[in-house]
């Protein structure tokens, strides 16, 4: 059962998606940071896309699913452990948005 997103989240998603050349129909689910700067979404192709609207950049993470998002960091879960349905043993990664391991790319619009 899906839960409707607040209108401000929907607006943030609509503004952010062109930065990563995505369409609303590509998105399975999404989160918006409390300050509205970051939008994270998981696509139907099972990629997680992080979008930084202030710096007009995005990062695509093929092996991670979005679990949480705030104004400083993102919480990601390994797709491999998620598929095994053992949440106790889930492999979590909580990088700050300044983490050099995040593969940021310039906006595509």
N, C-alpha and C. Protein backbone atom coordinates (compact mmCIF):
# COMPACT_ATOMS: atom_id res chain seq x y z
N UNK A 1 0.85 -1.17 0.00
CA UNK A 1 0.00 0.00 0.00
C UNK A 1 0.89 1.24 0.00
N UNK A 2 0.69 2.11 -0.95
CA UNK A 2 1.50 3.32 -1.01
C UNK A 2 0.85 4.44 -0.21
N UNK A 3 1.70 5.31 0.29
CA UNK A 3 1.25 6.46 1.07
C UNK A 3 1.49 7.70 0.22
N UNK A 4 0.49 8.57 0.07
CA UNK A 4 0.70 9.77 -0.74
C UNK A 4 1.80 10.65 -0.13
N UNK A 5 2.62 11.21 -0.98
CA UNK A 5 3.69 12.10 -0.54
C UNK A 5 3.11 13.48 -0.26
N UNK A 6 3.69 14.20 0.70
CA UNK A 6 3.25 15.58 0.94
C UNK A 6 3.48 16.42 -0.33
N UNK A 7 2.66 17.42 -0.58
CA UNK A 7 2.79 18.23 -1.79
C UNK A 7 4.18 18.86 -1.95
N UNK A 8 4.79 19.28 -0.85
CA UNK A 8 6.12 19.90 -0.95
C UNK A 8 7.16 18.88 -1.41
N UNK A 9 6.99 17.60 -1.05
CA UNK A 9 7.90 16.55 -1.53
C UNK A 9 7.71 16.33 -3.03
N UNK A 10 6.46 16.28 -3.45
CA UNK A 10 6.16 16.08 -4.86
C UNK A 10 6.75 17.22 -5.69
N UNK A 11 6.62 18.46 -5.19
CA UNK A 11 7.20 19.61 -5.89
C UNK A 11 8.72 19.51 -5.95
N UNK A 12 9.36 19.11 -4.85
CA UNK A 12 10.82 18.96 -4.82
C UNK A 12 11.26 17.89 -5.81
N UNK A 13 10.53 16.78 -5.88
CA UNK A 13 10.86 15.72 -6.83
C UNK A 13 10.74 16.22 -8.26
N UNK A 14 9.66 16.91 -8.56
CA UNK A 14 9.43 17.42 -9.92
C UNK A 14 10.55 18.37 -10.35
N UNK A 15 11.04 19.21 -9.44
CA UNK A 15 12.14 20.13 -9.76
C UNK A 15 13.48 19.43 -9.88
N UNK A 16 13.68 18.34 -9.12
CA UNK A 16 14.98 17.66 -9.06
C UNK A 16 15.18 16.68 -10.22
N UNK A 17 14.16 15.99 -10.65
CA UNK A 17 14.33 14.92 -11.65
C UNK A 17 15.03 15.35 -12.94
N UNK A 18 14.75 16.53 -13.50
CA UNK A 18 15.46 16.91 -14.73
C UNK A 18 16.98 17.01 -14.55
N UNK A 19 17.45 17.27 -13.34
CA UNK A 19 18.89 17.36 -13.10
C UNK A 19 19.58 16.03 -13.37
N UNK A 20 18.85 14.92 -13.20
CA UNK A 20 19.41 13.59 -13.44
C UNK A 20 18.80 12.94 -14.68
N UNK A 21 18.12 13.73 -15.50
CA UNK A 21 17.47 13.25 -16.72
C UNK A 21 16.51 12.10 -16.44
N UNK A 22 15.73 12.24 -15.37
CA UNK A 22 14.73 11.24 -15.02
C UNK A 22 13.33 11.82 -15.21
N UNK A 23 12.37 10.93 -15.41
CA UNK A 23 10.96 11.29 -15.50
C UNK A 23 10.24 10.76 -14.26
N UNK A 24 9.12 11.37 -13.88
CA UNK A 24 8.38 10.87 -12.71
C UNK A 24 8.03 9.39 -12.81
N UNK A 25 7.76 8.90 -14.01
CA UNK A 25 7.42 7.50 -14.20
C UNK A 25 8.58 6.55 -13.94
N UNK A 26 9.81 7.07 -13.88
CA UNK A 26 10.98 6.25 -13.60
C UNK A 26 11.12 5.90 -12.11
N UNK A 27 10.42 6.66 -11.26
CA UNK A 27 10.63 6.59 -9.81
C UNK A 27 9.71 5.58 -9.16
N UNK A 28 10.31 4.67 -8.38
CA UNK A 28 9.55 3.71 -7.61
C UNK A 28 9.13 4.33 -6.28
N UNK A 29 10.10 4.88 -5.54
CA UNK A 29 9.81 5.62 -4.32
C UNK A 29 10.90 6.67 -4.10
N UNK A 30 10.59 7.66 -3.26
CA UNK A 30 11.55 8.74 -3.07
C UNK A 30 11.43 9.35 -1.68
N UNK A 31 12.50 10.05 -1.28
CA UNK A 31 12.54 10.80 -0.03
C UNK A 31 13.12 12.17 -0.33
N UNK A 32 12.76 13.15 0.50
CA UNK A 32 13.29 14.50 0.38
C UNK A 32 13.87 14.87 1.74
N UNK A 33 15.07 15.46 1.74
CA UNK A 33 15.68 15.87 3.01
C UNK A 33 14.83 16.96 3.65
N UNK A 34 14.90 17.08 4.99
CA UNK A 34 14.07 18.07 5.68
C UNK A 34 14.21 19.50 5.13
N UNK A 35 15.43 19.89 4.75
CA UNK A 35 15.64 21.23 4.20
C UNK A 35 15.27 21.35 2.73
N UNK A 36 14.98 20.22 2.07
CA UNK A 36 14.56 20.22 0.67
C UNK A 36 15.69 20.26 -0.34
N UNK A 37 16.95 20.30 0.12
CA UNK A 37 18.08 20.38 -0.82
C UNK A 37 18.31 19.07 -1.55
N UNK A 38 18.18 17.96 -0.85
CA UNK A 38 18.49 16.64 -1.42
C UNK A 38 17.22 15.84 -1.68
N UNK A 39 17.20 15.20 -2.82
CA UNK A 39 16.12 14.27 -3.17
C UNK A 39 16.80 12.95 -3.47
N UNK A 40 16.29 11.89 -2.88
CA UNK A 40 16.80 10.55 -3.15
C UNK A 40 15.66 9.70 -3.66
N UNK A 41 15.92 8.93 -4.69
CA UNK A 41 14.86 8.07 -5.21
C UNK A 41 15.44 6.74 -5.66
N UNK A 42 14.59 5.75 -5.64
CA UNK A 42 14.93 4.45 -6.21
C UNK A 42 14.08 4.29 -7.45
N UNK A 43 14.72 3.95 -8.54
CA UNK A 43 14.02 3.84 -9.81
C UNK A 43 13.49 2.43 -10.02
N UNK A 44 12.65 2.28 -11.04
CA UNK A 44 12.12 0.96 -11.39
C UNK A 44 13.25 0.04 -11.84
N UNK A 45 14.37 0.61 -12.31
CA UNK A 45 15.53 -0.19 -12.71
C UNK A 45 16.39 -0.56 -11.50
N UNK A 46 15.90 -0.26 -10.30
CA UNK A 46 16.57 -0.57 -9.03
C UNK A 46 17.92 0.13 -8.88
N UNK A 47 17.98 1.36 -9.32
CA UNK A 47 19.12 2.22 -9.05
C UNK A 47 18.67 3.27 -8.04
N UNK A 48 19.56 3.63 -7.13
CA UNK A 48 19.28 4.75 -6.25
C UNK A 48 19.95 5.97 -6.85
N UNK A 49 19.20 7.06 -6.93
CA UNK A 49 19.72 8.31 -7.47
C UNK A 49 19.59 9.37 -6.39
N UNK A 50 20.71 10.00 -6.05
CA UNK A 50 20.74 11.11 -5.11
C UNK A 50 20.88 12.39 -5.93
N UNK A 51 20.07 13.39 -5.63
CA UNK A 51 20.12 14.65 -6.37
C UNK A 51 20.34 15.79 -5.38
N UNK A 52 21.37 16.57 -5.64
CA UNK A 52 21.70 17.75 -4.84
C UNK A 52 21.22 18.95 -5.66
N UNK A 53 20.08 19.52 -5.27
CA UNK A 53 19.50 20.59 -6.08
C UNK A 53 20.27 21.90 -5.94
N UNK A 54 20.94 22.12 -4.82
CA UNK A 54 21.69 23.37 -4.62
C UNK A 54 22.95 23.41 -5.48
N UNK A 55 23.67 22.29 -5.56
CA UNK A 55 24.90 22.25 -6.35
C UNK A 55 24.68 21.68 -7.75
N UNK A 56 23.42 21.39 -8.08
CA UNK A 56 23.04 20.90 -9.42
C UNK A 56 23.92 19.72 -9.84
N UNK A 57 23.83 18.65 -9.04
CA UNK A 57 24.58 17.44 -9.32
C UNK A 57 23.75 16.24 -8.87
N UNK A 58 24.16 15.06 -9.32
CA UNK A 58 23.46 13.84 -8.94
C UNK A 58 24.45 12.69 -8.88
N UNK A 59 24.06 11.62 -8.18
CA UNK A 59 24.88 10.41 -8.08
C UNK A 59 23.97 9.21 -8.27
N UNK A 60 24.44 8.25 -9.06
CA UNK A 60 23.68 7.01 -9.29
C UNK A 60 24.43 5.88 -8.60
N UNK A 61 23.72 5.12 -7.79
CA UNK A 61 24.30 4.00 -7.04
C UNK A 61 23.54 2.74 -7.41
N UNK A 62 24.21 1.85 -8.13
CA UNK A 62 23.53 0.68 -8.69
C UNK A 62 23.28 -0.44 -7.68
N UNK A 63 24.04 -0.54 -6.62
CA UNK A 63 23.91 -1.68 -5.72
C UNK A 63 23.38 -1.33 -4.35
N UNK A 64 22.73 -0.19 -4.24
CA UNK A 64 22.24 0.28 -2.95
C UNK A 64 20.80 0.77 -3.07
N UNK A 65 20.01 0.54 -2.02
CA UNK A 65 18.63 1.04 -1.95
C UNK A 65 18.54 2.12 -0.88
N UNK A 66 17.73 3.11 -1.15
CA UNK A 66 17.53 4.24 -0.25
C UNK A 66 16.73 3.81 0.97
N UNK A 67 17.24 4.15 2.16
CA UNK A 67 16.52 3.86 3.41
C UNK A 67 16.20 5.10 4.20
N UNK A 68 17.05 6.12 4.11
CA UNK A 68 16.83 7.34 4.88
C UNK A 68 17.60 8.49 4.28
N UNK A 69 17.17 9.71 4.60
CA UNK A 69 17.79 10.89 4.02
C UNK A 69 17.60 12.05 4.99
N UNK A 70 18.68 12.77 5.26
CA UNK A 70 18.54 14.00 6.03
C UNK A 70 19.35 15.09 5.32
N UNK A 71 19.58 16.20 5.99
CA UNK A 71 20.26 17.31 5.33
C UNK A 71 21.78 17.13 5.23
N UNK A 72 22.34 16.13 5.89
CA UNK A 72 23.80 15.95 5.89
C UNK A 72 24.24 14.61 5.31
N UNK A 73 23.37 13.61 5.31
CA UNK A 73 23.79 12.27 4.90
C UNK A 73 22.61 11.47 4.36
N UNK A 74 22.96 10.30 3.85
CA UNK A 74 21.97 9.38 3.31
C UNK A 74 22.21 8.01 3.94
N UNK A 75 21.17 7.25 4.13
CA UNK A 75 21.31 5.89 4.63
C UNK A 75 20.92 4.95 3.49
N UNK A 76 21.84 4.06 3.16
CA UNK A 76 21.65 3.13 2.05
C UNK A 76 21.78 1.70 2.56
N UNK A 77 21.04 0.80 1.94
CA UNK A 77 21.10 -0.62 2.29
C UNK A 77 21.55 -1.40 1.06
N UNK A 78 22.46 -2.33 1.27
CA UNK A 78 22.95 -3.17 0.18
C UNK A 78 21.80 -3.94 -0.44
N UNK A 79 21.70 -3.88 -1.77
CA UNK A 79 20.64 -4.63 -2.46
C UNK A 79 20.80 -6.13 -2.24
N UNK A 80 22.02 -6.59 -2.14
CA UNK A 80 22.24 -8.02 -1.96
C UNK A 80 21.65 -8.51 -0.64
N UNK A 81 21.91 -7.81 0.45
CA UNK A 81 21.37 -8.26 1.73
C UNK A 81 19.87 -7.99 1.81
N UNK A 82 19.39 -6.94 1.14
CA UNK A 82 17.96 -6.66 1.15
C UNK A 82 17.20 -7.79 0.48
N UNK A 83 17.72 -8.31 -0.61
CA UNK A 83 17.04 -9.40 -1.32
C UNK A 83 17.00 -10.68 -0.49
N UNK A 84 17.95 -10.83 0.42
CA UNK A 84 17.97 -12.02 1.26
C UNK A 84 16.96 -11.93 2.41
N UNK A 85 16.37 -10.75 2.59
CA UNK A 85 15.32 -10.54 3.61
C UNK A 85 15.80 -10.82 5.02
N UNK A 86 17.05 -10.47 5.33
CA UNK A 86 17.57 -10.59 6.68
C UNK A 86 17.90 -9.19 7.19
N UNK A 87 16.90 -8.40 7.59
CA UNK A 87 17.16 -7.02 7.96
C UNK A 87 18.15 -6.87 9.12
N UNK A 88 18.23 -7.86 9.98
CA UNK A 88 19.17 -7.78 11.10
C UNK A 88 20.60 -7.75 10.59
N UNK A 89 20.86 -8.42 9.47
CA UNK A 89 22.21 -8.51 8.92
C UNK A 89 22.42 -7.56 7.75
N UNK A 90 21.50 -6.62 7.56
CA UNK A 90 21.60 -5.72 6.42
C UNK A 90 22.92 -4.95 6.43
N UNK A 91 23.50 -4.84 5.27
CA UNK A 91 24.73 -4.09 5.09
C UNK A 91 24.34 -2.64 4.83
N UNK A 92 24.56 -1.77 5.82
CA UNK A 92 24.18 -0.37 5.70
C UNK A 92 25.39 0.50 5.43
N UNK A 93 25.16 1.56 4.67
CA UNK A 93 26.20 2.55 4.39
C UNK A 93 25.55 3.91 4.64
N UNK A 94 26.15 4.73 5.46
CA UNK A 94 25.59 6.03 5.80
C UNK A 94 26.59 7.14 5.46
N UNK A 95 26.83 7.38 4.18
CA UNK A 95 27.80 8.41 3.82
C UNK A 95 27.24 9.82 4.00
N UNK A 96 28.10 10.72 4.43
CA UNK A 96 27.76 12.14 4.40
C UNK A 96 27.76 12.58 2.94
N UNK A 97 27.04 13.64 2.62
CA UNK A 97 27.00 14.10 1.23
C UNK A 97 28.36 14.61 0.77
N UNK A 98 29.27 14.84 1.69
CA UNK A 98 30.63 15.26 1.34
C UNK A 98 31.57 14.08 1.16
N UNK A 99 31.09 12.85 1.36
CA UNK A 99 31.92 11.65 1.25
C UNK A 99 32.46 11.52 -0.18
N UNK A 100 33.78 11.42 -0.34
CA UNK A 100 34.34 11.31 -1.69
C UNK A 100 33.96 10.02 -2.42
N UNK A 101 33.40 9.04 -1.72
CA UNK A 101 32.99 7.79 -2.37
C UNK A 101 31.68 7.96 -3.16
N UNK A 102 30.94 9.03 -2.92
CA UNK A 102 29.71 9.24 -3.69
C UNK A 102 30.08 9.73 -5.09
N UNK A 103 29.56 9.07 -6.11
CA UNK A 103 29.96 9.38 -7.50
C UNK A 103 29.18 10.55 -8.11
N UNK A 104 29.37 11.74 -7.57
CA UNK A 104 28.63 12.91 -8.06
C UNK A 104 28.98 13.22 -9.52
N UNK A 105 27.98 13.62 -10.27
CA UNK A 105 28.12 14.04 -11.67
C UNK A 105 27.38 15.38 -11.83
N UNK A 106 27.79 16.22 -12.77
CA UNK A 106 27.06 17.46 -12.98
C UNK A 106 25.66 17.21 -13.54
N UNK A 107 24.76 18.13 -13.26
CA UNK A 107 23.38 18.02 -13.75
C UNK A 107 23.35 17.82 -15.26
N UNK A 108 22.30 17.13 -15.72
CA UNK A 108 22.20 16.81 -17.15
C UNK A 108 21.21 17.69 -17.88
N UNK A 109 20.68 18.70 -17.23
CA UNK A 109 19.71 19.55 -17.92
C UNK A 109 20.34 20.74 -18.59
